[in-house]
PDB file of N, CA and C in Angstrom:
ATOM      1  N   UNK A   1    -129.073 -83.659  -0.398  1.00  0.00           N
ATOM      2  CA  UNK A   1    -130.359 -83.917   0.207  1.00  0.00           C
ATOM      3  C   UNK A   1    -131.132 -84.976  -0.591  1.00  0.00           C
ATOM      4  N   UNK A   2    -130.727 -85.164  -1.848  1.00  0.00           N
ATOM      5  CA  UNK A   2    -131.355 -86.209  -2.660  1.00  0.00           C
ATOM      6  C   UNK A   2    -130.303 -86.770  -3.609  1.00  0.00           C
ATOM      7  N   UNK A   3    -130.628 -87.851  -4.268  1.00  0.00           N
ATOM      8  CA  UNK A   3    -129.698 -88.485  -5.207  1.00  0.00           C
ATOM      9  C   UNK A   3    -129.724 -87.792  -6.573  1.00  0.00           C
ATOM     10  N   UNK A   4    -130.662 -86.887  -6.773  1.00  0.00           N
ATOM     11  CA  UNK A   4    -130.799 -86.199  -8.060  1.00  0.00           C
ATOM     12  C   UNK A   4    -130.257 -84.781  -7.953  1.00  0.00           C
ATOM     13  N   UNK A   5    -129.384 -84.398  -8.873  1.00  0.00           N
ATOM     14  CA  UNK A   5    -128.872 -83.021  -8.881  1.00  0.00           C
ATOM     15  C   UNK A   5    -129.829 -82.128  -9.676  1.00  0.00           C
ATOM     16  N   UNK A   6    -129.618 -80.820  -9.580  1.00  0.00           N
ATOM     17  CA  UNK A   6    -130.422 -79.859 -10.312  1.00  0.00           C
ATOM     18  C   UNK A   6    -130.192 -80.069 -11.806  1.00  0.00           C
ATOM     19  N   UNK A   7    -131.249 -80.269 -12.570  1.00  0.00           N
ATOM     20  CA  UNK A   7    -131.120 -80.565 -13.991  1.00  0.00           C
ATOM     21  C   UNK A   7    -130.560 -79.397 -14.791  1.00  0.00           C
ATOM     22  N   UNK A   8    -130.765 -78.168 -14.333  1.00  0.00           N
ATOM     23  CA  UNK A   8    -130.287 -76.990 -15.059  1.00  0.00           C
ATOM     24  C   UNK A   8    -128.828 -76.650 -14.724  1.00  0.00           C
ATOM     25  N   UNK A   9    -128.464 -76.758 -13.452  1.00  0.00           N
ATOM     26  CA  UNK A   9    -127.112 -76.341 -13.030  1.00  0.00           C
ATOM     27  C   UNK A   9    -126.159 -77.504 -12.801  1.00  0.00           C
ATOM     28  N   UNK A  10    -126.684 -78.679 -12.546  1.00  0.00           N
ATOM     29  CA  UNK A  10    -125.840 -79.831 -12.251  1.00  0.00           C
ATOM     30  C   UNK A  10    -125.364 -79.851 -10.807  1.00  0.00           C
ATOM     31  N   UNK A  11    -125.820 -78.906 -10.014  1.00  0.00           N
ATOM     32  CA  UNK A  11    -125.407 -78.821  -8.608  1.00  0.00           C
ATOM     33  C   UNK A  11    -126.344 -79.632  -7.726  1.00  0.00           C
ATOM     34  N   UNK A  12    -125.778 -80.107  -6.627  1.00  0.00           N
ATOM     35  CA  UNK A  12    -126.565 -80.852  -5.650  1.00  0.00           C
ATOM     36  C   UNK A  12    -127.182 -79.900  -4.634  1.00  0.00           C
ATOM     37  N   UNK A  13    -128.285 -80.317  -4.028  1.00  0.00           N
ATOM     38  CA  UNK A  13    -128.888 -79.572  -2.911  1.00  0.00           C
ATOM     39  C   UNK A  13    -128.257 -80.132  -1.641  1.00  0.00           C
ATOM     40  N   UNK A  14    -127.444 -79.312  -0.977  1.00  0.00           N
ATOM     41  CA  UNK A  14    -126.657 -79.766   0.172  1.00  0.00           C
ATOM     42  C   UNK A  14    -127.407 -79.662   1.485  1.00  0.00           C
ATOM     43  N   UNK A  15    -127.020 -80.524   2.437  1.00  0.00           N
ATOM     44  CA  UNK A  15    -127.502 -80.405   3.801  1.00  0.00           C
ATOM     45  C   UNK A  15    -126.874 -79.165   4.415  1.00  0.00           C
ATOM     46  N   UNK A  16    -127.387 -78.765   5.562  1.00  0.00           N
ATOM     47  CA  UNK A  16    -127.010 -77.510   6.228  1.00  0.00           C
ATOM     48  C   UNK A  16    -125.500 -77.295   6.364  1.00  0.00           C
ATOM     49  N   UNK A  17    -124.737 -78.299   6.745  1.00  0.00           N
ATOM     50  CA  UNK A  17    -123.317 -78.115   7.053  1.00  0.00           C
ATOM     51  C   UNK A  17    -122.393 -78.236   5.840  1.00  0.00           C
ATOM     52  N   UNK A  18    -122.927 -78.555   4.649  1.00  0.00           N
ATOM     53  CA  UNK A  18    -122.096 -78.768   3.466  1.00  0.00           C
ATOM     54  C   UNK A  18    -122.320 -77.700   2.398  1.00  0.00           C
ATOM     55  N   UNK A  19    -121.338 -77.599   1.475  1.00  0.00           N
ATOM     56  CA  UNK A  19    -121.449 -76.673   0.349  1.00  0.00           C
ATOM     57  C   UNK A  19    -120.663 -77.242  -0.832  1.00  0.00           C
ATOM     58  N   UNK A  20    -120.722 -76.565  -1.963  1.00  0.00           N
ATOM     59  CA  UNK A  20    -120.011 -77.002  -3.170  1.00  0.00           C
ATOM     60  C   UNK A  20    -120.968 -77.646  -4.162  1.00  0.00           C
ATOM     61  N   UNK A  21    -120.527 -77.771  -5.416  1.00  0.00           N
ATOM     62  CA  UNK A  21    -121.371 -78.367  -6.459  1.00  0.00           C
ATOM     63  C   UNK A  21    -121.808 -79.781  -6.106  1.00  0.00           C
ATOM     64  N   UNK A  22    -120.904 -80.528  -5.482  1.00  0.00           N
ATOM     65  CA  UNK A  22    -121.198 -81.916  -5.144  1.00  0.00           C
ATOM     66  C   UNK A  22    -121.332 -82.116  -3.630  1.00  0.00           C
ATOM     67  N   UNK A  23    -121.491 -81.003  -2.892  1.00  0.00           N
ATOM     68  CA  UNK A  23    -121.635 -81.047  -1.430  1.00  0.00           C
ATOM     69  C   UNK A  23    -120.444 -81.744  -0.782  1.00  0.00           C
ATOM     70  N   UNK A  24    -119.253 -81.491  -1.342  1.00  0.00           N
ATOM     71  CA  UNK A  24    -118.045 -82.172  -0.874  1.00  0.00           C
ATOM     72  C   UNK A  24    -117.101 -81.240  -0.108  1.00  0.00           C
ATOM     73  N   UNK A  25    -117.653 -80.167   0.447  1.00  0.00           N
ATOM     74  CA  UNK A  25    -116.889 -79.223   1.255  1.00  0.00           C
ATOM     75  C   UNK A  25    -117.730 -78.835   2.467  1.00  0.00           C
ATOM     76  N   UNK A  26    -117.016 -78.419   3.521  1.00  0.00           N
ATOM     77  CA  UNK A  26    -117.724 -77.893   4.689  1.00  0.00           C
ATOM     78  C   UNK A  26    -118.101 -76.439   4.425  1.00  0.00           C
ATOM     79  N   UNK A  27    -119.243 -76.040   4.905  1.00  0.00           N
ATOM     80  CA  UNK A  27    -119.706 -74.657   4.819  1.00  0.00           C
ATOM     81  C   UNK A  27    -118.810 -73.769   5.692  1.00  0.00           C
ATOM     82  N   UNK A  28    -118.736 -72.477   5.406  1.00  0.00           N
ATOM     83  CA  UNK A  28    -117.967 -71.541   6.209  1.00  0.00           C
ATOM     84  C   UNK A  28    -118.411 -71.640   7.669  1.00  0.00           C
ATOM     85  N   UNK A  29    -117.437 -71.709   8.561  1.00  0.00           N
ATOM     86  CA  UNK A  29    -117.750 -71.842   9.977  1.00  0.00           C
ATOM     87  C   UNK A  29    -117.760 -73.290  10.447  1.00  0.00           C
ATOM     88  N   UNK A  30    -117.373 -74.202   9.552  1.00  0.00           N
ATOM     89  CA  UNK A  30    -117.302 -75.628   9.898  1.00  0.00           C
ATOM     90  C   UNK A  30    -115.972 -76.186   9.422  1.00  0.00           C
ATOM     91  N   UNK A  31    -115.566 -77.342   9.988  1.00  0.00           N
ATOM     92  CA  UNK A  31    -114.259 -77.923   9.664  1.00  0.00           C
ATOM     93  C   UNK A  31    -114.315 -79.453   9.650  1.00  0.00           C
ATOM     94  N   UNK A  32    -113.255 -80.058   9.125  1.00  0.00           N
ATOM     95  CA  UNK A  32    -113.061 -81.516   9.111  1.00  0.00           C
ATOM     96  C   UNK A  32    -114.107 -82.275   8.299  1.00  0.00           C
ATOM     97  N   UNK A  33    -114.134 -82.016   6.976  1.00  0.00           N
ATOM     98  CA  UNK A  33    -115.018 -82.768   6.077  1.00  0.00           C
ATOM     99  C   UNK A  33    -114.704 -84.256   6.213  1.00  0.00           C
ATOM    100  N   UNK A  34    -115.623 -85.164   6.320  1.00  0.00           N
ATOM    101  CA  UNK A  34    -117.062 -85.011   6.144  1.00  0.00           C
ATOM    102  C   UNK A  34    -117.841 -84.775   7.445  1.00  0.00           C
ATOM    103  N   UNK A  35    -117.160 -84.685   8.602  1.00  0.00           N
ATOM    104  CA  UNK A  35    -117.894 -84.432   9.844  1.00  0.00           C
ATOM    105  C   UNK A  35    -118.481 -83.025   9.875  1.00  0.00           C
ATOM    106  N   UNK A  36    -117.716 -82.056   9.386  1.00  0.00           N
ATOM    107  CA  UNK A  36    -118.124 -80.652   9.339  1.00  0.00           C
ATOM    108  C   UNK A  36    -118.590 -80.144  10.701  1.00  0.00           C
ATOM    109  N   UNK A  37    -117.659 -80.194  11.646  1.00  0.00           N
ATOM    110  CA  UNK A  37    -117.870 -79.737  13.016  1.00  0.00           C
ATOM    111  C   UNK A  37    -117.882 -78.212  13.032  1.00  0.00           C
ATOM    112  N   UNK A  38    -118.715 -77.606  13.854  1.00  0.00           N
ATOM    113  CA  UNK A  38    -118.775 -76.143  13.965  1.00  0.00           C
ATOM    114  C   UNK A  38    -117.459 -75.597  14.525  1.00  0.00           C
ATOM    115  N   UNK A  39    -116.975 -74.486  13.964  1.00  0.00           N
ATOM    116  CA  UNK A  39    -115.727 -73.861  14.406  1.00  0.00           C
ATOM    117  C   UNK A  39    -115.876 -73.149  15.746  1.00  0.00           C
ATOM    118  N   UNK A  40    -116.982 -72.483  15.969  1.00  0.00           N
ATOM    119  CA  UNK A  40    -117.256 -71.736  17.195  1.00  0.00           C
ATOM    120  C   UNK A  40    -116.269 -70.590  17.424  1.00  0.00           C
ATOM    121  N   UNK A  41    -115.868 -69.914  16.353  1.00  0.00           N
ATOM    122  CA  UNK A  41    -114.994 -68.743  16.458  1.00  0.00           C
ATOM    123  C   UNK A  41    -115.794 -67.549  16.975  1.00  0.00           C
ATOM    124  N   UNK A  42    -115.139 -66.723  17.769  1.00  0.00           N
ATOM    125  CA  UNK A  42    -115.734 -65.482  18.232  1.00  0.00           C
ATOM    126  C   UNK A  42    -115.516 -64.452  17.125  1.00  0.00           C
ATOM    127  N   UNK A  43    -116.578 -63.966  16.519  1.00  0.00           N
ATOM    128  CA  UNK A  43    -116.474 -63.029  15.397  1.00  0.00           C
ATOM    129  C   UNK A  43    -115.799 -61.722  15.799  1.00  0.00           C
ATOM    130  N   UNK A  44    -115.959 -61.291  17.037  1.00  0.00           N
ATOM    131  CA  UNK A  44    -115.328 -60.045  17.502  1.00  0.00           C
ATOM    132  C   UNK A  44    -113.818 -60.174  17.547  1.00  0.00           C
ATOM    133  N   UNK A  45    -113.304 -61.362  17.829  1.00  0.00           N
ATOM    134  CA  UNK A  45    -111.865 -61.567  17.966  1.00  0.00           C
ATOM    135  C   UNK A  45    -111.199 -62.159  16.746  1.00  0.00           C
ATOM    136  N   UNK A  46    -111.980 -62.558  15.737  1.00  0.00           N
ATOM    137  CA  UNK A  46    -111.435 -63.187  14.536  1.00  0.00           C
ATOM    138  C   UNK A  46    -111.192 -62.157  13.436  1.00  0.00           C
ATOM    139  N   UNK A  47    -110.207 -62.428  12.582  1.00  0.00           N
ATOM    140  CA  UNK A  47    -109.879 -61.505  11.491  1.00  0.00           C
ATOM    141  C   UNK A  47    -111.033 -61.435  10.496  1.00  0.00           C
ATOM    142  N   UNK A  48    -111.280 -60.244   9.975  1.00  0.00           N
ATOM    143  CA  UNK A  48    -112.423 -59.994   9.093  1.00  0.00           C
ATOM    144  C   UNK A  48    -112.375 -60.822   7.816  1.00  0.00           C
ATOM    145  N   UNK A  49    -111.184 -61.097   7.297  1.00  0.00           N
ATOM    146  CA  UNK A  49    -111.078 -61.830   6.036  1.00  0.00           C
ATOM    147  C   UNK A  49    -111.446 -63.304   6.156  1.00  0.00           C
ATOM    148  N   UNK A  50    -111.623 -63.818   7.378  1.00  0.00           N
ATOM    149  CA  UNK A  50    -112.013 -65.219   7.569  1.00  0.00           C
ATOM    150  C   UNK A  50    -113.470 -65.341   8.003  1.00  0.00           C
ATOM    151  N   UNK A  51    -114.183 -64.219   8.055  1.00  0.00           N
ATOM    152  CA  UNK A  51    -115.556 -64.223   8.581  1.00  0.00           C
ATOM    153  C   UNK A  51    -116.574 -63.721   7.564  1.00  0.00           C
ATOM    154  N   UNK A  52    -117.797 -64.141   7.765  1.00  0.00           N
ATOM    155  CA  UNK A  52    -118.952 -63.583   7.077  1.00  0.00           C
ATOM    156  C   UNK A  52    -119.744 -62.861   8.163  1.00  0.00           C
ATOM    157  N   UNK A  53    -119.627 -61.544   8.197  1.00  0.00           N
ATOM    158  CA  UNK A  53    -120.219 -60.742   9.261  1.00  0.00           C
ATOM    159  C   UNK A  53    -121.739 -60.890   9.303  1.00  0.00           C
ATOM    160  N   UNK A  54    -122.376 -60.933   8.144  1.00  0.00           N
ATOM    161  CA  UNK A  54    -123.834 -61.045   8.088  1.00  0.00           C
ATOM    162  C   UNK A  54    -124.332 -62.335   8.735  1.00  0.00           C
ATOM    163  N   UNK A  55    -123.611 -63.437   8.499  1.00  0.00           N
ATOM    164  CA  UNK A  55    -124.003 -64.721   9.077  1.00  0.00           C
ATOM    165  C   UNK A  55    -123.442 -64.903  10.481  1.00  0.00           C
ATOM    166  N   UNK A  56    -122.395 -64.130  10.812  1.00  0.00           N
ATOM    167  CA  UNK A  56    -121.774 -64.243  12.133  1.00  0.00           C
ATOM    168  C   UNK A  56    -120.956 -65.501  12.316  1.00  0.00           C
ATOM    169  N   UNK A  57    -120.379 -66.025  11.210  1.00  0.00           N
ATOM    170  CA  UNK A  57    -119.547 -67.223  11.283  1.00  0.00           C
ATOM    171  C   UNK A  57    -118.172 -66.949  10.694  1.00  0.00           C
ATOM    172  N   UNK A  58    -117.168 -67.669  11.218  1.00  0.00           N
ATOM    173  CA  UNK A  58    -115.794 -67.513  10.751  1.00  0.00           C
ATOM    174  C   UNK A  58    -115.180 -68.877  10.482  1.00  0.00           C
ATOM    175  N   UNK A  59    -114.194 -68.902   9.605  1.00  0.00           N
ATOM    176  CA  UNK A  59    -113.478 -70.133   9.273  1.00  0.00           C
ATOM    177  C   UNK A  59    -112.441 -70.439  10.345  1.00  0.00           C
ATOM    178  N   UNK A  60    -112.051 -71.710  10.422  1.00  0.00           N
ATOM    179  CA  UNK A  60    -110.994 -72.130  11.343  1.00  0.00           C
ATOM    180  C   UNK A  60    -110.151 -73.213  10.675  1.00  0.00           C
ATOM    181  N   UNK A  61    -109.004 -73.535  11.278  1.00  0.00           N
ATOM    182  CA  UNK A  61    -108.113 -74.566  10.742  1.00  0.00           C
ATOM    183  C   UNK A  61    -108.790 -75.933  10.840  1.00  0.00           C
ATOM    184  N   UNK A  62    -108.614 -76.755   9.816  1.00  0.00           N
ATOM    185  CA  UNK A  62    -109.298 -78.043   9.746  1.00  0.00           C
ATOM    186  C   UNK A  62    -109.058 -78.953  10.946  1.00  0.00           C
ATOM    187  N   UNK A  63    -107.870 -79.364  11.198  1.00  0.00           N
ATOM    188  CA  UNK A  63    -107.632 -80.371  12.244  1.00  0.00           C
ATOM    189  C   UNK A  63    -107.683 -79.806  13.668  1.00  0.00           C
ATOM    190  N   UNK A  64    -107.167 -78.601  13.858  1.00  0.00           N
ATOM    191  CA  UNK A  64    -107.065 -78.051  15.219  1.00  0.00           C
ATOM    192  C   UNK A  64    -108.277 -77.250  15.645  1.00  0.00           C
ATOM    193  N   UNK A  65    -108.978 -76.650  14.702  1.00  0.00           N
ATOM    194  CA  UNK A  65    -110.112 -75.787  15.027  1.00  0.00           C
ATOM    195  C   UNK A  65    -109.683 -74.386  15.434  1.00  0.00           C
ATOM    196  N   UNK A  66    -108.378 -74.063  15.274  1.00  0.00           N
ATOM    197  CA  UNK A  66    -107.869 -72.742  15.636  1.00  0.00           C
ATOM    198  C   UNK A  66    -108.442 -71.688  14.701  1.00  0.00           C
ATOM    199  N   UNK A  67    -109.038 -70.669  15.278  1.00  0.00           N
ATOM    200  CA  UNK A  67    -109.568 -69.541  14.506  1.00  0.00           C
ATOM    201  C   UNK A  67    -108.444 -68.541  14.259  1.00  0.00           C
ATOM    202  N   UNK A  68    -108.592 -67.684  13.259  1.00  0.00           N
ATOM    203  CA  UNK A  68    -107.594 -66.655  12.939  1.00  0.00           C
ATOM    204  C   UNK A  68    -107.888 -65.420  13.781  1.00  0.00           C
ATOM    205  N   UNK A  69    -107.040 -65.193  14.781  1.00  0.00           N
ATOM    206  CA  UNK A  69    -107.276 -64.108  15.744  1.00  0.00           C
ATOM    207  C   UNK A  69    -106.714 -62.775  15.279  1.00  0.00           C
ATOM    208  N   UNK A  70    -107.376 -61.693  15.692  1.00  0.00           N
ATOM    209  CA  UNK A  70    -106.856 -60.342  15.504  1.00  0.00           C
ATOM    210  C   UNK A  70    -105.600 -60.198  16.367  1.00  0.00           C
ATOM    211  N   UNK A  71    -104.816 -59.152  16.128  1.00  0.00           N
ATOM    212  CA  UNK A  71    -103.510 -58.975  16.766  1.00  0.00           C
ATOM    213  C   UNK A  71    -103.520 -59.023  18.291  1.00  0.00           C
ATOM    214  N   UNK A  72    -104.504 -58.433  18.942  1.00  0.00           N
ATOM    215  CA  UNK A  72    -104.528 -58.371  20.407  1.00  0.00           C
ATOM    216  C   UNK A  72    -105.443 -59.413  21.051  1.00  0.00           C
ATOM    217  N   UNK A  73    -105.726 -60.488  20.304  1.00  0.00           N
ATOM    218  CA  UNK A  73    -106.649 -61.511  20.773  1.00  0.00           C
ATOM    219  C   UNK A  73    -105.971 -62.879  20.748  1.00  0.00           C
ATOM    220  N   UNK A  74    -106.372 -63.759  21.664  1.00  0.00           N
ATOM    221  CA  UNK A  74    -105.805 -65.105  21.716  1.00  0.00           C
ATOM    222  C   UNK A  74    -106.882 -66.126  22.052  1.00  0.00           C
ATOM    223  N   UNK A  75    -106.503 -67.398  22.010  1.00  0.00           N
ATOM    224  CA  UNK A  75    -107.418 -68.492  22.335  1.00  0.00           C
ATOM    225  C   UNK A  75    -107.842 -69.249  21.087  1.00  0.00           C
ATOM    226  N   UNK A  76    -108.228 -70.493  21.270  1.00  0.00           N
ATOM    227  CA  UNK A  76    -108.667 -71.342  20.168  1.00  0.00           C
ATOM    228  C   UNK A  76    -109.821 -70.701  19.404  1.00  0.00           C
ATOM    229  N   UNK A  77    -110.730 -70.074  20.136  1.00  0.00           N
ATOM    230  CA  UNK A  77    -111.901 -69.434  19.529  1.00  0.00           C
ATOM    231  C   UNK A  77    -111.742 -67.927  19.354  1.00  0.00           C
ATOM    232  N   UNK A  78    -110.546 -67.395  19.650  1.00  0.00           N
ATOM    233  CA  UNK A  78    -110.293 -65.947  19.574  1.00  0.00           C
ATOM    234  C   UNK A  78    -111.278 -65.182  20.456  1.00  0.00           C
ATOM    235  N   UNK A  79    -111.362 -65.611  21.700  1.00  0.00           N
ATOM    236  CA  UNK A  79    -112.343 -65.025  22.610  1.00  0.00           C
ATOM    237  C   UNK A  79    -111.732 -64.384  23.853  1.00  0.00           C
ATOM    238  N   UNK A  80    -110.406 -64.198  23.866  1.00  0.00           N
ATOM    239  CA  UNK A  80    -109.748 -63.614  25.043  1.00  0.00           C
ATOM    240  C   UNK A  80    -108.727 -62.560  24.615  1.00  0.00           C
ATOM    241  N   UNK A  81    -108.700 -61.461  25.365  1.00  0.00           N
ATOM    242  CA  UNK A  81    -107.710 -60.407  25.102  1.00  0.00           C
ATOM    243  C   UNK A  81    -106.333 -60.857  25.576  1.00  0.00           C
ATOM    244  N   UNK A  82    -105.299 -60.474  24.839  1.00  0.00           N
ATOM    245  CA  UNK A  82    -103.926 -60.760  25.261  1.00  0.00           C
ATOM    246  C   UNK A  82    -103.605 -59.938  26.497  1.00  0.00           C
ATOM    247  N   UNK A  83    -102.562 -60.352  27.230  1.00  0.00           N
ATOM    248  CA  UNK A  83    -102.114 -59.617  28.412  1.00  0.00           C
ATOM    249  C   UNK A  83    -101.800 -58.176  28.020  1.00  0.00           C
ATOM    250  N   UNK A  84    -102.206 -57.253  28.843  1.00  0.00           N
ATOM    251  CA  UNK A  84    -101.967 -55.838  28.574  1.00  0.00           C
ATOM    252  C   UNK A  84    -103.009 -55.185  27.680  1.00  0.00           C
ATOM    253  N   UNK A  85    -104.080 -55.924  27.376  1.00  0.00           N
ATOM    254  CA  UNK A  85    -105.158 -55.369  26.553  1.00  0.00           C
ATOM    255  C   UNK A  85    -106.501 -55.696  27.205  1.00  0.00           C
ATOM    256  N   UNK A  86    -107.566 -55.031  26.740  1.00  0.00           N
ATOM    257  CA  UNK A  86    -108.907 -55.219  27.306  1.00  0.00           C
ATOM    258  C   UNK A  86    -109.978 -54.843  26.294  1.00  0.00           C
ATOM    259  N   UNK A  87    -111.221 -55.186  26.588  1.00  0.00           N
ATOM    260  CA  UNK A  87    -112.383 -54.702  25.833  1.00  0.00           C
ATOM    261  C   UNK A  87    -112.557 -55.286  24.447  1.00  0.00           C
ATOM    262  N   UNK A  88    -112.637 -56.595  24.318  1.00  0.00           N
ATOM    263  CA  UNK A  88    -112.839 -57.248  23.026  1.00  0.00           C
ATOM    264  C   UNK A  88    -114.115 -56.737  22.364  1.00  0.00           C
ATOM    265  N   UNK A  89    -113.968 -56.235  21.133  1.00  0.00           N
ATOM    266  CA  UNK A  89    -115.117 -55.736  20.382  1.00  0.00           C
ATOM    267  C   UNK A  89    -114.900 -55.930  18.890  1.00  0.00           C
ATOM    268  N   UNK A  90    -115.974 -56.178  18.165  1.00  0.00           N
ATOM    269  CA  UNK A  90    -115.901 -56.434  16.733  1.00  0.00           C
ATOM    270  C   UNK A  90    -115.431 -55.206  15.952  1.00  0.00           C
ATOM    271  N   UNK A  91    -115.738 -54.000  16.414  1.00  0.00           N
ATOM    272  CA  UNK A  91    -115.377 -52.787  15.684  1.00  0.00           C
ATOM    273  C   UNK A  91    -113.900 -52.406  15.833  1.00  0.00           C
ATOM    274  N   UNK A  92    -113.196 -53.016  16.775  1.00  0.00           N
ATOM    275  CA  UNK A  92    -111.770 -52.723  16.963  1.00  0.00           C
ATOM    276  C   UNK A  92    -110.959 -53.603  16.019  1.00  0.00           C
ATOM    277  N   UNK A  93    -110.196 -53.021  15.072  1.00  0.00           N
ATOM    278  CA  UNK A  93    -109.427 -53.830  14.122  1.00  0.00           C
ATOM    279  C   UNK A  93    -108.364 -54.701  14.795  1.00  0.00           C
ATOM    280  N   UNK A  94    -107.954 -54.358  16.015  1.00  0.00           N
ATOM    281  CA  UNK A  94    -106.988 -55.167  16.755  1.00  0.00           C
ATOM    282  C   UNK A  94    -107.686 -56.122  17.721  1.00  0.00           C
ATOM    283  N   UNK A  95    -109.003 -56.007  17.840  1.00  0.00           N
ATOM    284  CA  UNK A  95    -109.783 -56.853  18.727  1.00  0.00           C
ATOM    285  C   UNK A  95    -109.922 -56.272  20.118  1.00  0.00           C
ATOM    286  N   UNK A  96    -108.791 -55.993  20.775  1.00  0.00           N
ATOM    287  CA  UNK A  96    -108.769 -55.444  22.127  1.00  0.00           C
ATOM    288  C   UNK A  96    -107.880 -54.196  22.146  1.00  0.00           C
ATOM    289  N   UNK A  97    -108.156 -53.296  23.065  1.00  0.00           N
ATOM    290  CA  UNK A  97    -107.380 -52.058  23.209  1.00  0.00           C
ATOM    291  C   UNK A  97    -106.282 -52.245  24.246  1.00  0.00           C
ATOM    292  N   UNK A  98    -105.171 -51.538  24.042  1.00  0.00           N
ATOM    293  CA  UNK A  98    -104.084 -51.584  25.019  1.00  0.00           C
ATOM    294  C   UNK A  98    -104.516 -50.906  26.311  1.00  0.00           C
ATOM    295  N   UNK A  99    -104.037 -51.444  27.437  1.00  0.00           N
ATOM    296  CA  UNK A  99    -104.312 -50.841  28.737  1.00  0.00           C
ATOM    297  C   UNK A  99    -103.660 -49.460  28.789  1.00  0.00           C
ATOM    298  N   UNK A 100    -104.291 -48.541  29.466  1.00  0.00           N
ATOM    299  CA  UNK A 100    -103.696 -47.212  29.654  1.00  0.00           C
ATOM    300  C   UNK A 100    -103.676 -46.912  31.148  1.00  0.00           C
ATOM    301  N   UNK A 101    -102.800 -47.650  31.823  1.00  0.00           N
ATOM    302  CA  UNK A 101    -102.701 -47.571  33.283  1.00  0.00           C
ATOM    303  C   UNK A 101    -101.469 -46.770  33.716  1.00  0.00           C
ATOM    304  N   UNK A 102    -100.927 -46.012  32.785  1.00  0.00           N
ATOM    305  CA  UNK A 102     -99.807 -45.102  33.073  1.00  0.00           C
ATOM    306  C   UNK A 102     -98.625 -45.820  33.715  1.00  0.00           C
ATOM    307  N   UNK A 103     -98.376 -47.073  33.282  1.00  0.00           N
ATOM    308  CA  UNK A 103     -97.232 -47.823  33.768  1.00  0.00           C
ATOM    309  C   UNK A 103     -97.411 -48.430  35.147  1.00  0.00           C
ATOM    310  N   UNK A 104     -98.539 -48.238  35.785  1.00  0.00           N
ATOM    311  CA  UNK A 104     -98.760 -48.762  37.125  1.00  0.00           C
ATOM    312  C   UNK A 104     -99.006 -50.264  37.123  1.00  0.00           C
ATOM    313  N   UNK A 105     -99.649 -50.773  36.060  1.00  0.00           N
ATOM    314  CA  UNK A 105     -99.923 -52.205  35.945  1.00  0.00           C
ATOM    315  C   UNK A 105    -100.117 -52.558  34.478  1.00  0.00           C
ATOM    316  N   UNK A 106     -99.978 -53.826  34.167  1.00  0.00           N
ATOM    317  CA  UNK A 106    -100.214 -54.314  32.814  1.00  0.00           C
ATOM    318  C   UNK A 106    -101.516 -55.087  32.726  1.00  0.00           C
ATOM    319  N   UNK A 107    -102.223 -55.206  33.849  1.00  0.00           N
ATOM    320  CA  UNK A 107    -103.493 -55.933  33.880  1.00  0.00           C
ATOM    321  C   UNK A 107    -104.635 -54.927  33.990  1.00  0.00           C
ATOM    322  N   UNK A 108    -105.606 -55.072  33.121  1.00  0.00           N
ATOM    323  CA  UNK A 108    -106.741 -54.165  33.169  1.00  0.00           C
ATOM    324  C   UNK A 108    -107.980 -54.892  32.681  1.00  0.00           C
ATOM    325  N   UNK A 109    -109.129 -54.369  33.027  1.00  0.00           N
ATOM    326  CA  UNK A 109    -110.408 -54.891  32.556  1.00  0.00           C
ATOM    327  C   UNK A 109    -111.284 -53.711  32.183  1.00  0.00           C
ATOM    328  N   UNK A 110    -112.289 -53.998  31.399  1.00  0.00           N
ATOM    329  CA  UNK A 110    -113.215 -52.950  30.972  1.00  0.00           C
ATOM    330  C   UNK A 110    -114.173 -52.633  32.109  1.00  0.00           C
ATOM    331  N   UNK A 111    -114.367 -51.352  32.390  1.00  0.00           N
ATOM    332  CA  UNK A 111    -115.297 -50.934  33.430  1.00  0.00           C
ATOM    333  C   UNK A 111    -116.721 -51.231  32.984  1.00  0.00           C
ATOM    334  N   UNK A 112    -117.537 -51.739  33.877  1.00  0.00           N
ATOM    335  CA  UNK A 112    -118.921 -52.069  33.552  1.00  0.00           C
ATOM    336  C   UNK A 112    -119.801 -50.821  33.613  1.00  0.00           C
ATOM    337  N   UNK A 113    -120.837 -50.802  32.798  1.00  0.00           N
ATOM    338  CA  UNK A 113    -121.806 -49.722  32.831  1.00  0.00           C
ATOM    339  C   UNK A 113    -121.406 -48.472  32.059  1.00  0.00           C
ATOM    340  N   UNK A 114    -120.283 -48.516  31.346  1.00  0.00           N
ATOM    341  CA  UNK A 114    -119.858 -47.357  30.568  1.00  0.00           C
ATOM    342  C   UNK A 114    -120.194 -47.565  29.095  1.00  0.00           C
ATOM    343  N   UNK A 115    -120.232 -46.492  28.344  1.00  0.00           N
ATOM    344  CA  UNK A 115    -120.513 -46.548  26.919  1.00  0.00           C
ATOM    345  C   UNK A 115    -119.196 -46.454  26.177  1.00  0.00           C
ATOM    346  N   UNK A 116    -118.982 -47.370  25.221  1.00  0.00           N
ATOM    347  CA  UNK A 116    -117.748 -47.347  24.428  1.00  0.00           C
ATOM    348  C   UNK A 116    -117.821 -46.225  23.410  1.00  0.00           C
ATOM    349  N   UNK A 117    -116.785 -45.382  23.400  1.00  0.00           N
ATOM    350  CA  UNK A 117    -116.689 -44.304  22.416  1.00  0.00           C
ATOM    351  C   UNK A 117    -115.241 -44.181  21.995  1.00  0.00           C
ATOM    352  N   UNK A 118    -115.035 -43.842  20.724  1.00  0.00           N
ATOM    353  CA  UNK A 118    -113.671 -43.619  20.231  1.00  0.00           C
ATOM    354  C   UNK A 118    -113.333 -42.163  20.410  1.00  0.00           C
TER     355      UNK A 118
END
């Protein structure tokens, strides 16, 4: 943000999208330094180890922007359930639950107006 670093720590004051002592890295949730484009990962579908839950942002691959999806989730932003699963939610460690249609079909959707309970 300025040409002068902090006299006590030697660190620079970075703009919003940058981080690091010399502001030479993208902040979590951004990619492709020095552009630092937003990743736009879906936190509910992304693996917990790549996300900061409090900030609601997740890391993604630099060049492709691919987010790290939970086992039952797919898509560049990890925002879609895989075939045979439904109900994307952050509290589900797999992202989406398997359909329980008793073998009648492999396609299912979450019923609207119901309360999720384990």
